[in-house]
Amino acid sequence: LPPVDQITGFNVVALSFLTLAGARDQAQAFAQLSADQRTAK
């Protein structure tokens, strides 16, 4: 994820993209983190 201090002023971050073939790019990267990492972030 982008560091919080680099996106201050935004209030929604959209992980891109969840495609017909599954998660790709940042959506995939987030899904592949451990459950504890996802929870913390």
PDB file of all heavy atoms in Angstrom:
ATOM      1  N   LEU A   1       0.810  -1.211   0.000  1.00  0.00           N
ATOM      2  CA  LEU A   1       0.000   0.000   0.000  1.00  0.00           C
ATOM      3  C   LEU A   1       0.848   1.268   0.000  1.00  0.00           C
ATOM      4  O   LEU A   1       1.931   1.303   0.577  1.00  0.00           O
ATOM      5  CB  LEU A   1      -0.909   0.021   1.233  1.00  0.00           C
ATOM      6  CG  LEU A   1      -1.936  -1.109   1.354  1.00  0.00           C
ATOM      7  CD1 LEU A   1      -2.743  -0.937   2.629  1.00  0.00           C
ATOM      8  CD2 LEU A   1      -2.848  -1.144   0.145  1.00  0.00           C
ATOM      9  N   PRO A   2       0.352   2.326  -0.623  1.00  0.00           N
ATOM     10  CA  PRO A   2       1.040   3.615  -0.512  1.00  0.00           C
ATOM     11  C   PRO A   2       1.137   4.033   0.950  1.00  0.00           C
ATOM     12  O   PRO A   2       0.160   3.887   1.698  1.00  0.00           O
ATOM     13  CB  PRO A   2       0.119   4.568  -1.286  1.00  0.00           C
ATOM     14  CG  PRO A   2      -0.643   3.701  -2.233  1.00  0.00           C
ATOM     15  CD  PRO A   2      -0.840   2.410  -1.503  1.00  0.00           C
ATOM     16  N   PRO A   3       2.276   4.560   1.394  1.00  0.00           N
ATOM     17  CA  PRO A   3       2.393   5.021   2.783  1.00  0.00           C
ATOM     18  C   PRO A   3       1.362   6.105   3.083  1.00  0.00           C
ATOM     19  O   PRO A   3       1.085   6.970   2.247  1.00  0.00           O
ATOM     20  CB  PRO A   3       3.819   5.579   2.847  1.00  0.00           C
ATOM     21  CG  PRO A   3       4.558   4.894   1.737  1.00  0.00           C
ATOM     22  CD  PRO A   3       3.542   4.699   0.651  1.00  0.00           C
ATOM     23  N   VAL A   4       0.808   6.051   4.271  1.00  0.00           N
ATOM     24  CA  VAL A   4      -0.247   6.988   4.654  1.00  0.00           C
ATOM     25  C   VAL A   4       0.189   8.433   4.487  1.00  0.00           C
ATOM     26  O   VAL A   4      -0.577   9.281   4.001  1.00  0.00           O
ATOM     27  CB  VAL A   4      -0.712   6.714   6.099  1.00  0.00           C
ATOM     28  CG1 VAL A   4      -1.568   7.856   6.631  1.00  0.00           C
ATOM     29  CG2 VAL A   4      -1.479   5.402   6.166  1.00  0.00           C
ATOM     30  N   ASP A   5       1.443   8.741   4.885  1.00  0.00           N
ATOM     31  CA  ASP A   5       1.870  10.139   4.822  1.00  0.00           C
ATOM     32  C   ASP A   5       2.034  10.642   3.389  1.00  0.00           C
ATOM     33  O   ASP A   5       2.129  11.843   3.158  1.00  0.00           O
ATOM     34  CB  ASP A   5       3.157  10.358   5.623  1.00  0.00           C
ATOM     35  CG  ASP A   5       4.354   9.592   5.077  1.00  0.00           C
ATOM     36  OD1 ASP A   5       4.196   8.799   4.118  1.00  0.00           O
ATOM     37  OD2 ASP A   5       5.466   9.768   5.618  1.00  0.00           O
ATOM     38  N   GLN A   6       2.035   9.727   2.403  1.00  0.00           N
ATOM     39  CA  GLN A   6       2.142  10.136   1.008  1.00  0.00           C
ATOM     40  C   GLN A   6       0.780  10.295   0.324  1.00  0.00           C
ATOM     41  O   GLN A   6       0.704  10.745  -0.822  1.00  0.00           O
ATOM     42  CB  GLN A   6       3.008   9.139   0.230  1.00  0.00           C
ATOM     43  CG  GLN A   6       4.465   9.144   0.671  1.00  0.00           C
ATOM     44  CD  GLN A   6       5.336   8.226  -0.167  1.00  0.00           C
ATOM     45  OE1 GLN A   6       5.076   8.007  -1.353  1.00  0.00           O
ATOM     46  NE2 GLN A   6       6.377   7.680   0.448  1.00  0.00           N
ATOM     47  N   ILE A   7      -0.284   9.915   1.034  1.00  0.00           N
ATOM     48  CA  ILE A   7      -1.627  10.048   0.445  1.00  0.00           C
ATOM     49  C   ILE A   7      -2.573  10.803   1.384  1.00  0.00           C
ATOM     50  O   ILE A   7      -3.792  10.743   1.216  1.00  0.00           O
ATOM     51  CB  ILE A   7      -2.224   8.678   0.073  1.00  0.00           C
ATOM     52  CG1 ILE A   7      -2.246   7.744   1.288  1.00  0.00           C
ATOM     53  CG2 ILE A   7      -1.470   8.063  -1.090  1.00  0.00           C
ATOM     54  CD1 ILE A   7      -3.072   6.488   1.064  1.00  0.00           C
ATOM     55  N   THR A   8      -2.010  11.518   2.355  1.00  0.00           N
ATOM     56  CA  THR A   8      -2.844  12.328   3.240  1.00  0.00           C
ATOM     57  C   THR A   8      -3.690  13.295   2.410  1.00  0.00           C
ATOM     58  O   THR A   8      -3.187  13.949   1.498  1.00  0.00           O
ATOM     59  CB  THR A   8      -1.954  13.116   4.221  1.00  0.00           C
ATOM     60  OG1 THR A   8      -1.203  12.194   5.000  1.00  0.00           O
ATOM     61  CG2 THR A   8      -2.803  13.989   5.130  1.00  0.00           C
ATOM     62  N   GLY A   9      -4.959  13.357   2.724  1.00  0.00           N
ATOM     63  CA  GLY A   9      -5.895  14.173   1.942  1.00  0.00           C
ATOM     64  C   GLY A   9      -6.856  13.333   1.127  1.00  0.00           C
ATOM     65  O   GLY A   9      -7.922  13.799   0.742  1.00  0.00           O
ATOM     66  N   PHE A  10      -6.481  12.082   0.861  1.00  0.00           N
ATOM     67  CA  PHE A  10      -7.402  11.117   0.260  1.00  0.00           C
ATOM     68  C   PHE A  10      -8.096  10.339   1.381  1.00  0.00           C
ATOM     69  O   PHE A  10      -7.521  10.121   2.447  1.00  0.00           O
ATOM     70  CB  PHE A  10      -6.652  10.132  -0.643  1.00  0.00           C
ATOM     71  CG  PHE A  10      -6.133  10.734  -1.921  1.00  0.00           C
ATOM     72  CD1 PHE A  10      -4.804  11.119  -2.031  1.00  0.00           C
ATOM     73  CD2 PHE A  10      -6.974  10.912  -3.015  1.00  0.00           C
ATOM     74  CE1 PHE A  10      -4.321  11.673  -3.203  1.00  0.00           C
ATOM     75  CE2 PHE A  10      -6.498  11.468  -4.192  1.00  0.00           C
ATOM     76  CZ  PHE A  10      -5.169  11.848  -4.286  1.00  0.00           C
ATOM     77  N   ASN A  11      -9.325   9.897   1.135  1.00  0.00           N
ATOM     78  CA  ASN A  11     -10.010   9.079   2.135  1.00  0.00           C
ATOM     79  C   ASN A  11     -10.487   7.728   1.612  1.00  0.00           C
ATOM     80  O   ASN A  11     -11.131   6.969   2.341  1.00  0.00           O
ATOM     81  CB  ASN A  11     -11.169   9.851   2.786  1.00  0.00           C
ATOM     82  CG  ASN A  11     -12.160  10.405   1.781  1.00  0.00           C
ATOM     83  OD1 ASN A  11     -12.248   9.952   0.649  1.00  0.00           O
ATOM     84  ND2 ASN A  11     -12.911  11.426   2.202  1.00  0.00           N
ATOM     85  N   VAL A  12     -10.153   7.413   0.357  1.00  0.00           N
ATOM     86  CA  VAL A  12     -10.439   6.087  -0.208  1.00  0.00           C
ATOM     87  C   VAL A  12      -9.267   5.684  -1.091  1.00  0.00           C
ATOM     88  O   VAL A  12      -8.822   6.471  -1.938  1.00  0.00           O
ATOM     89  CB  VAL A  12     -11.729   6.076  -1.046  1.00  0.00           C
ATOM     90  CG1 VAL A  12     -11.992   4.678  -1.620  1.00  0.00           C
ATOM     91  CG2 VAL A  12     -12.930   6.541  -0.235  1.00  0.00           C
ATOM     92  N   VAL A  13      -8.782   4.460  -0.897  1.00  0.00           N
ATOM     93  CA  VAL A  13      -7.759   3.886  -1.771  1.00  0.00           C
ATOM     94  C   VAL A  13      -8.365   2.666  -2.451  1.00  0.00           C
ATOM     95  O   VAL A  13      -8.935   1.791  -1.782  1.00  0.00           O
ATOM     96  CB  VAL A  13      -6.496   3.495  -0.992  1.00  0.00           C
ATOM     97  CG1 VAL A  13      -5.561   2.656  -1.860  1.00  0.00           C
ATOM     98  CG2 VAL A  13      -5.776   4.743  -0.500  1.00  0.00           C
ATOM     99  N   ALA A  14      -8.251   2.610  -3.791  1.00  0.00           N
ATOM    100  CA  ALA A  14      -8.812   1.509  -4.571  1.00  0.00           C
ATOM    101  C   ALA A  14      -7.690   0.631  -5.105  1.00  0.00           C
ATOM    102  O   ALA A  14      -6.884   1.065  -5.945  1.00  0.00           O
ATOM    103  CB  ALA A  14      -9.654   2.045  -5.719  1.00  0.00           C
ATOM    104  N   LEU A  15      -7.630  -0.602  -4.612  1.00  0.00           N
ATOM    105  CA  LEU A  15      -6.670  -1.584  -5.099  1.00  0.00           C
ATOM    106  C   LEU A  15      -7.089  -2.033  -6.495  1.00  0.00           C
ATOM    107  O   LEU A  15      -8.221  -2.452  -6.717  1.00  0.00           O
ATOM    108  CB  LEU A  15      -6.637  -2.794  -4.166  1.00  0.00           C
ATOM    109  CG  LEU A  15      -6.186  -2.555  -2.723  1.00  0.00           C
ATOM    110  CD1 LEU A  15      -6.570  -3.741  -1.845  1.00  0.00           C
ATOM    111  CD2 LEU A  15      -4.681  -2.321  -2.672  1.00  0.00           C
ATOM    112  N   SER A  16      -6.166  -1.979  -7.436  1.00  0.00           N
ATOM    113  CA  SER A  16      -6.513  -2.278  -8.826  1.00  0.00           C
ATOM    114  C   SER A  16      -5.667  -3.450  -9.343  1.00  0.00           C
ATOM    115  O   SER A  16      -4.475  -3.506  -9.051  1.00  0.00           O
ATOM    116  CB  SER A  16      -6.251  -1.052  -9.683  1.00  0.00           C
ATOM    117  OG  SER A  16      -6.898   0.089  -9.135  1.00  0.00           O
ATOM    118  N   PHE A  17      -6.258  -4.376 -10.052  1.00  0.00           N
ATOM    119  CA  PHE A  17      -7.660  -4.594 -10.367  1.00  0.00           C
ATOM    120  C   PHE A  17      -8.050  -6.028 -10.033  1.00  0.00           C
ATOM    121  O   PHE A  17      -7.205  -6.926 -10.067  1.00  0.00           O
ATOM    122  CB  PHE A  17      -7.925  -4.337 -11.855  1.00  0.00           C
ATOM    123  CG  PHE A  17      -7.913  -2.873 -12.218  1.00  0.00           C
ATOM    124  CD1 PHE A  17      -6.783  -2.288 -12.787  1.00  0.00           C
ATOM    125  CD2 PHE A  17      -9.030  -2.079 -11.992  1.00  0.00           C
ATOM    126  CE1 PHE A  17      -6.776  -0.951 -13.127  1.00  0.00           C
ATOM    127  CE2 PHE A  17      -9.037  -0.734 -12.339  1.00  0.00           C
ATOM    128  CZ  PHE A  17      -7.901  -0.166 -12.901  1.00  0.00           C
ATOM    129  N   LEU A  18      -9.327  -6.223  -9.743  1.00  0.00           N
ATOM    130  CA  LEU A  18      -9.898  -7.566  -9.571  1.00  0.00           C
ATOM    131  C   LEU A  18     -10.590  -7.909 -10.879  1.00  0.00           C
ATOM    132  O   LEU A  18     -11.637  -7.347 -11.211  1.00  0.00           O
ATOM    133  CB  LEU A  18     -10.878  -7.581  -8.402  1.00  0.00           C
ATOM    134  CG  LEU A  18     -11.564  -8.908  -8.085  1.00  0.00           C
ATOM    135  CD1 LEU A  18     -10.542  -9.996  -7.777  1.00  0.00           C
ATOM    136  CD2 LEU A  18     -12.539  -8.748  -6.929  1.00  0.00           C
ATOM    137  N   THR A  19     -10.009  -8.818 -11.650  1.00  0.00           N
ATOM    138  CA  THR A  19     -10.486  -9.097 -13.001  1.00  0.00           C
ATOM    139  C   THR A  19     -11.268 -10.403 -13.051  1.00  0.00           C
ATOM    140  O   THR A  19     -11.371 -11.143 -12.073  1.00  0.00           O
ATOM    141  CB  THR A  19      -9.307  -9.187 -13.982  1.00  0.00           C
ATOM    142  OG1 THR A  19      -8.601 -10.421 -13.764  1.00  0.00           O
ATOM    143  CG2 THR A  19      -8.336  -8.020 -13.805  1.00  0.00           C
ATOM    144  N   LEU A  20     -11.798 -10.695 -14.234  1.00  0.00           N
ATOM    145  CA  LEU A  20     -12.503 -11.962 -14.428  1.00  0.00           C
ATOM    146  C   LEU A  20     -11.592 -13.149 -14.167  1.00  0.00           C
ATOM    147  O   LEU A  20     -12.057 -14.222 -13.749  1.00  0.00           O
ATOM    148  CB  LEU A  20     -13.046 -12.037 -15.860  1.00  0.00           C
ATOM    149  CG  LEU A  20     -14.157 -11.049 -16.219  1.00  0.00           C
ATOM    150  CD1 LEU A  20     -14.442 -11.119 -17.717  1.00  0.00           C
ATOM    151  CD2 LEU A  20     -15.421 -11.322 -15.417  1.00  0.00           C
ATOM    152  N   ALA A  21     -10.305 -12.977 -14.400  1.00  0.00           N
ATOM    153  CA  ALA A  21      -9.343 -14.061 -14.203  1.00  0.00           C
ATOM    154  C   ALA A  21      -8.741 -14.079 -12.804  1.00  0.00           C
ATOM    155  O   ALA A  21      -7.891 -14.914 -12.506  1.00  0.00           O
ATOM    156  CB  ALA A  21      -8.227 -13.955 -15.242  1.00  0.00           C
ATOM    157  N   GLY A  22      -9.187 -13.196 -11.938  1.00  0.00           N
ATOM    158  CA  GLY A  22      -8.659 -13.126 -10.581  1.00  0.00           C
ATOM    159  C   GLY A  22      -8.025 -11.784 -10.297  1.00  0.00           C
ATOM    160  O   GLY A  22      -8.039 -10.876 -11.129  1.00  0.00           O
ATOM    161  N   ALA A  23      -7.452 -11.653  -9.114  1.00  0.00           N
ATOM    162  CA  ALA A  23      -6.813 -10.399  -8.714  1.00  0.00           C
ATOM    163  C   ALA A  23      -5.512 -10.200  -9.473  1.00  0.00           C
ATOM    164  O   ALA A  23      -4.754 -11.141  -9.690  1.00  0.00           O
ATOM    165  CB  ALA A  23      -6.558 -10.393  -7.215  1.00  0.00           C
ATOM    166  N   ARG A  24      -5.235  -8.957  -9.847  1.00  0.00           N
ATOM    167  CA  ARG A  24      -4.023  -8.605 -10.566  1.00  0.00           C
ATOM    168  C   ARG A  24      -3.378  -7.399  -9.881  1.00  0.00           C
ATOM    169  O   ARG A  24      -4.011  -6.655  -9.141  1.00  0.00           O
ATOM    170  CB  ARG A  24      -4.340  -8.259 -12.028  1.00  0.00           C
ATOM    171  CG  ARG A  24      -4.888  -9.432 -12.833  1.00  0.00           C
ATOM    172  CD  ARG A  24      -3.816 -10.492 -13.054  1.00  0.00           C
ATOM    173  NE  ARG A  24      -4.283 -11.593 -13.881  1.00  0.00           N
ATOM    174  CZ  ARG A  24      -4.689 -12.762 -13.409  1.00  0.00           C
ATOM    175  NH1 ARG A  24      -4.725 -12.957 -12.101  1.00  0.00           N
ATOM    176  NH2 ARG A  24      -5.052 -13.722 -14.234  1.00  0.00           N
ATOM    177  N   ASP A  25      -2.103  -7.197 -10.161  1.00  0.00           N
ATOM    178  CA  ASP A  25      -1.380  -5.996  -9.731  1.00  0.00           C
ATOM    179  C   ASP A  25      -1.545  -5.752  -8.230  1.00  0.00           C
ATOM    180  O   ASP A  25      -1.298  -6.636  -7.435  1.00  0.00           O
ATOM    181  CB  ASP A  25      -1.795  -4.802 -10.589  1.00  0.00           C
ATOM    182  CG  ASP A  25      -1.578  -5.051 -12.083  1.00  0.00           C
ATOM    183  OD1 ASP A  25      -0.635  -5.789 -12.419  1.00  0.00           O
ATOM    184  OD2 ASP A  25      -2.328  -4.512 -12.907  1.00  0.00           O
ATOM    185  N   GLN A  26      -1.965  -4.573  -7.828  1.00  0.00           N
ATOM    186  CA  GLN A  26      -2.016  -4.248  -6.405  1.00  0.00           C
ATOM    187  C   GLN A  26      -3.103  -5.030  -5.665  1.00  0.00           C
ATOM    188  O   GLN A  26      -2.951  -5.332  -4.471  1.00  0.00           O
ATOM    189  CB  GLN A  26      -2.233  -2.743  -6.222  1.00  0.00           C
ATOM    190  CG  GLN A  26      -0.992  -1.905  -6.509  1.00  0.00           C
ATOM    191  CD  GLN A  26       0.066  -2.058  -5.437  1.00  0.00           C
ATOM    192  OE1 GLN A  26       0.809  -3.042  -5.406  1.00  0.00           O
ATOM    193  NE2 GLN A  26       0.129  -1.089  -4.535  1.00  0.00           N
ATOM    194  N   ALA A  27      -4.185  -5.357  -6.332  1.00  0.00           N
ATOM    195  CA  ALA A  27      -5.209  -6.200  -5.692  1.00  0.00           C
ATOM    196  C   ALA A  27      -4.638  -7.573  -5.374  1.00  0.00           C
ATOM    197  O   ALA A  27      -4.870  -8.132  -4.289  1.00  0.00           O
ATOM    198  CB  ALA A  27      -6.431  -6.326  -6.599  1.00  0.00           C
ATOM    199  N   GLN A  28      -3.890  -8.111  -6.287  1.00  0.00           N
ATOM    200  CA  GLN A  28      -3.252  -9.413  -6.073  1.00  0.00           C
ATOM    201  C   GLN A  28      -2.199  -9.326  -4.972  1.00  0.00           C
ATOM    202  O   GLN A  28      -2.129 -10.200  -4.093  1.00  0.00           O
ATOM    203  CB  GLN A  28      -2.600  -9.885  -7.371  1.00  0.00           C
ATOM    204  CG  GLN A  28      -1.880 -11.226  -7.249  1.00  0.00           C
ATOM    205  CD  GLN A  28      -1.163 -11.600  -8.533  1.00  0.00           C
ATOM    206  OE1 GLN A  28      -0.485 -10.756  -9.133  1.00  0.00           O
ATOM    207  NE2 GLN A  28      -1.310 -12.821  -8.975  1.00  0.00           N
ATOM    208  N   ALA A  29      -1.383  -8.280  -5.008  1.00  0.00           N
ATOM    209  CA  ALA A  29      -0.318  -8.144  -4.018  1.00  0.00           C
ATOM    210  C   ALA A  29      -0.879  -8.060  -2.605  1.00  0.00           C
ATOM    211  O   ALA A  29      -0.341  -8.661  -1.667  1.00  0.00           O
ATOM    212  CB  ALA A  29       0.531  -6.907  -4.331  1.00  0.00           C
ATOM    213  N   PHE A  30      -1.971  -7.315  -2.441  1.00  0.00           N
ATOM    214  CA  PHE A  30      -2.580  -7.209  -1.116  1.00  0.00           C
ATOM    215  C   PHE A  30      -3.146  -8.547  -0.673  1.00  0.00           C
ATOM    216  O   PHE A  30      -2.966  -8.963   0.481  1.00  0.00           O
ATOM    217  CB  PHE A  30      -3.680  -6.149  -1.117  1.00  0.00           C
ATOM    218  CG  PHE A  30      -4.273  -5.903   0.241  1.00  0.00           C
ATOM    219  CD1 PHE A  30      -3.601  -5.127   1.175  1.00  0.00           C
ATOM    220  CD2 PHE A  30      -5.497  -6.452   0.599  1.00  0.00           C
ATOM    221  CE1 PHE A  30      -4.130  -4.906   2.438  1.00  0.00           C
ATOM    222  CE2 PHE A  30      -6.041  -6.235   1.855  1.00  0.00           C
ATOM    223  CZ  PHE A  30      -5.352  -5.462   2.779  1.00  0.00           C
ATOM    224  N   ALA A  31      -3.811  -9.256  -1.573  1.00  0.00           N
ATOM    225  CA  ALA A  31      -4.411 -10.547  -1.226  1.00  0.00           C
ATOM    226  C   ALA A  31      -3.350 -11.578  -0.850  1.00  0.00           C
ATOM    227  O   ALA A  31      -3.633 -12.506  -0.072  1.00  0.00           O
ATOM    228  CB  ALA A  31      -5.256 -11.060  -2.387  1.00  0.00           C
ATOM    229  N   GLN A  32      -2.141 -11.428  -1.378  1.00  0.00           N
ATOM    230  CA  GLN A  32      -1.084 -12.399  -1.105  1.00  0.00           C
ATOM    231  C   GLN A  32      -0.316 -12.115   0.190  1.00  0.00           C
ATOM    232  O   GLN A  32       0.515 -12.920   0.600  1.00  0.00           O
ATOM    233  CB  GLN A  32      -0.118 -12.461  -2.291  1.00  0.00           C
ATOM    234  CG  GLN A  32      -0.750 -13.112  -3.519  1.00  0.00           C
ATOM    235  CD  GLN A  32       0.181 -13.152  -4.712  1.00  0.00           C
ATOM    236  OE1 GLN A  32       1.116 -12.360  -4.828  1.00  0.00           O
ATOM    237  NE2 GLN A  32      -0.074 -14.067  -5.629  1.00  0.00           N
ATOM    238  N   LEU A  33      -0.592 -10.994   0.839  1.00  0.00           N
ATOM    239  CA  LEU A  33      -0.033 -10.749   2.165  1.00  0.00           C
ATOM    240  C   LEU A  33      -0.645 -11.734   3.163  1.00  0.00           C
ATOM    241  O   LEU A  33      -1.729 -12.275   2.937  1.00  0.00           O
ATOM    242  CB  LEU A  33      -0.333  -9.318   2.619  1.00  0.00           C
ATOM    243  CG  LEU A  33       0.318  -8.175   1.836  1.00  0.00           C
ATOM    244  CD1 LEU A  33      -0.232  -6.844   2.316  1.00  0.00           C
ATOM    245  CD2 LEU A  33       1.838  -8.216   1.973  1.00  0.00           C
ATOM    246  N   SER A  34       0.029 -11.937   4.266  1.00  0.00           N
ATOM    247  CA  SER A  34      -0.557 -12.790   5.307  1.00  0.00           C
ATOM    248  C   SER A  34      -1.772 -12.085   5.906  1.00  0.00           C
ATOM    249  O   SER A  34      -1.921 -10.860   5.800  1.00  0.00           O
ATOM    250  CB  SER A  34       0.469 -13.062   6.399  1.00  0.00           C
ATOM    251  OG  SER A  34       0.729 -11.876   7.146  1.00  0.00           O
ATOM    252  N   ALA A  35      -2.626 -12.856   6.539  1.00  0.00           N
ATOM    253  CA  ALA A  35      -3.820 -12.281   7.161  1.00  0.00           C
ATOM    254  C   ALA A  35      -3.442 -11.226   8.192  1.00  0.00           C
ATOM    255  O   ALA A  35      -4.093 -10.164   8.276  1.00  0.00           O
ATOM    256  CB  ALA A  35      -4.658 -13.384   7.804  1.00  0.00           C
ATOM    257  N   ASP A  36      -2.387 -11.486   8.962  1.00  0.00           N
ATOM    258  CA  ASP A  36      -1.952 -10.509   9.970  1.00  0.00           C
ATOM    259  C   ASP A  36      -1.461  -9.221   9.312  1.00  0.00           C
ATOM    260  O   ASP A  36      -1.733  -8.117   9.805  1.00  0.00           O
ATOM    261  CB  ASP A  36      -0.848 -11.096  10.845  1.00  0.00           C
ATOM    262  CG  ASP A  36      -1.361 -12.139  11.827  1.00  0.00           C
ATOM    263  OD1 ASP A  36      -2.602 -12.213  12.019  1.00  0.00           O
ATOM    264  OD2 ASP A  36      -0.540 -12.866  12.400  1.00  0.00           O
ATOM    265  N   GLN A  37      -0.735  -9.342   8.203  1.00  0.00           N
ATOM    266  CA  GLN A  37      -0.257  -8.152   7.497  1.00  0.00           C
ATOM    267  C   GLN A  37      -1.429  -7.340   6.940  1.00  0.00           C
ATOM    268  O   GLN A  37      -1.439  -6.116   7.047  1.00  0.00           O
ATOM    269  CB  GLN A  37       0.683  -8.560   6.360  1.00  0.00           C
ATOM    270  CG  GLN A  37       2.048  -9.048   6.804  1.00  0.00           C
ATOM    271  CD  GLN A  37       2.868  -9.540   5.635  1.00  0.00           C
ATOM    272  OE1 GLN A  37       2.428 -10.373   4.839  1.00  0.00           O
ATOM    273  NE2 GLN A  37       4.084  -9.015   5.507  1.00  0.00           N
ATOM    274  N   ARG A  38      -2.387  -8.021   6.342  1.00  0.00           N
ATOM    275  CA  ARG A  38      -3.551  -7.316   5.798  1.00  0.00           C
ATOM    276  C   ARG A  38      -4.315  -6.593   6.901  1.00  0.00           C
ATOM    277  O   ARG A  38      -4.719  -5.437   6.751  1.00  0.00           O
ATOM    278  CB  ARG A  38      -4.488  -8.285   5.068  1.00  0.00           C
ATOM    279  CG  ARG A  38      -3.928  -8.852   3.777  1.00  0.00           C
ATOM    280  CD  ARG A  38      -5.011  -9.464   2.909  1.00  0.00           C
ATOM    281  NE  ARG A  38      -5.767 -10.503   3.580  1.00  0.00           N
ATOM    282  CZ  ARG A  38      -5.456 -11.788   3.587  1.00  0.00           C
ATOM    283  NH1 ARG A  38      -4.371 -12.206   2.947  1.00  0.00           N
ATOM    284  NH2 ARG A  38      -6.217 -12.662   4.210  1.00  0.00           N
ATOM    285  N   THR A  39      -4.489  -7.274   8.034  1.00  0.00           N
ATOM    286  CA  THR A  39      -5.215  -6.670   9.157  1.00  0.00           C
ATOM    287  C   THR A  39      -4.508  -5.425   9.668  1.00  0.00           C
ATOM    288  O   THR A  39      -5.134  -4.385   9.924  1.00  0.00           O
ATOM    289  CB  THR A  39      -5.376  -7.688  10.296  1.00  0.00           C
ATOM    290  OG1 THR A  39      -6.151  -8.797   9.826  1.00  0.00           O
ATOM    291  CG2 THR A  39      -6.070  -7.064  11.496  1.00  0.00           C
ATOM    292  N   ALA A  40      -3.190  -5.517   9.805  1.00  0.00           N
ATOM    293  CA  ALA A  40      -2.417  -4.389  10.324  1.00  0.00           C
ATOM    294  C   ALA A  40      -2.463  -3.199   9.365  1.00  0.00           C
ATOM    295  O   ALA A  40      -2.634  -2.042   9.783  1.00  0.00           O
ATOM    296  CB  ALA A  40      -0.975  -4.813  10.582  1.00  0.00           C
ATOM    297  N   LYS A  41      -2.302  -3.457   8.070  1.00  0.00           N
ATOM    298  CA  LYS A  41      -2.286  -2.375   7.096  1.00  0.00           C
ATOM    299  C   LYS A  41      -3.671  -1.730   6.976  1.00  0.00           C
ATOM    300  O   LYS A  41      -3.799  -0.507   6.875  1.00  0.00           O
ATOM    301  CB  LYS A  41      -1.805  -2.905   5.741  1.00  0.00           C
ATOM    302  CG  LYS A  41      -0.316  -3.278   5.758  1.00  0.00           C
ATOM    303  CD  LYS A  41       0.154  -3.806   4.430  1.00  0.00           C
ATOM    304  CE  LYS A  41       1.625  -4.186   4.493  1.00  0.00           C
ATOM    305  NZ  LYS A  41       2.498  -3.043   4.819  1.00  0.00           N
TER     306      LYS A  41
END
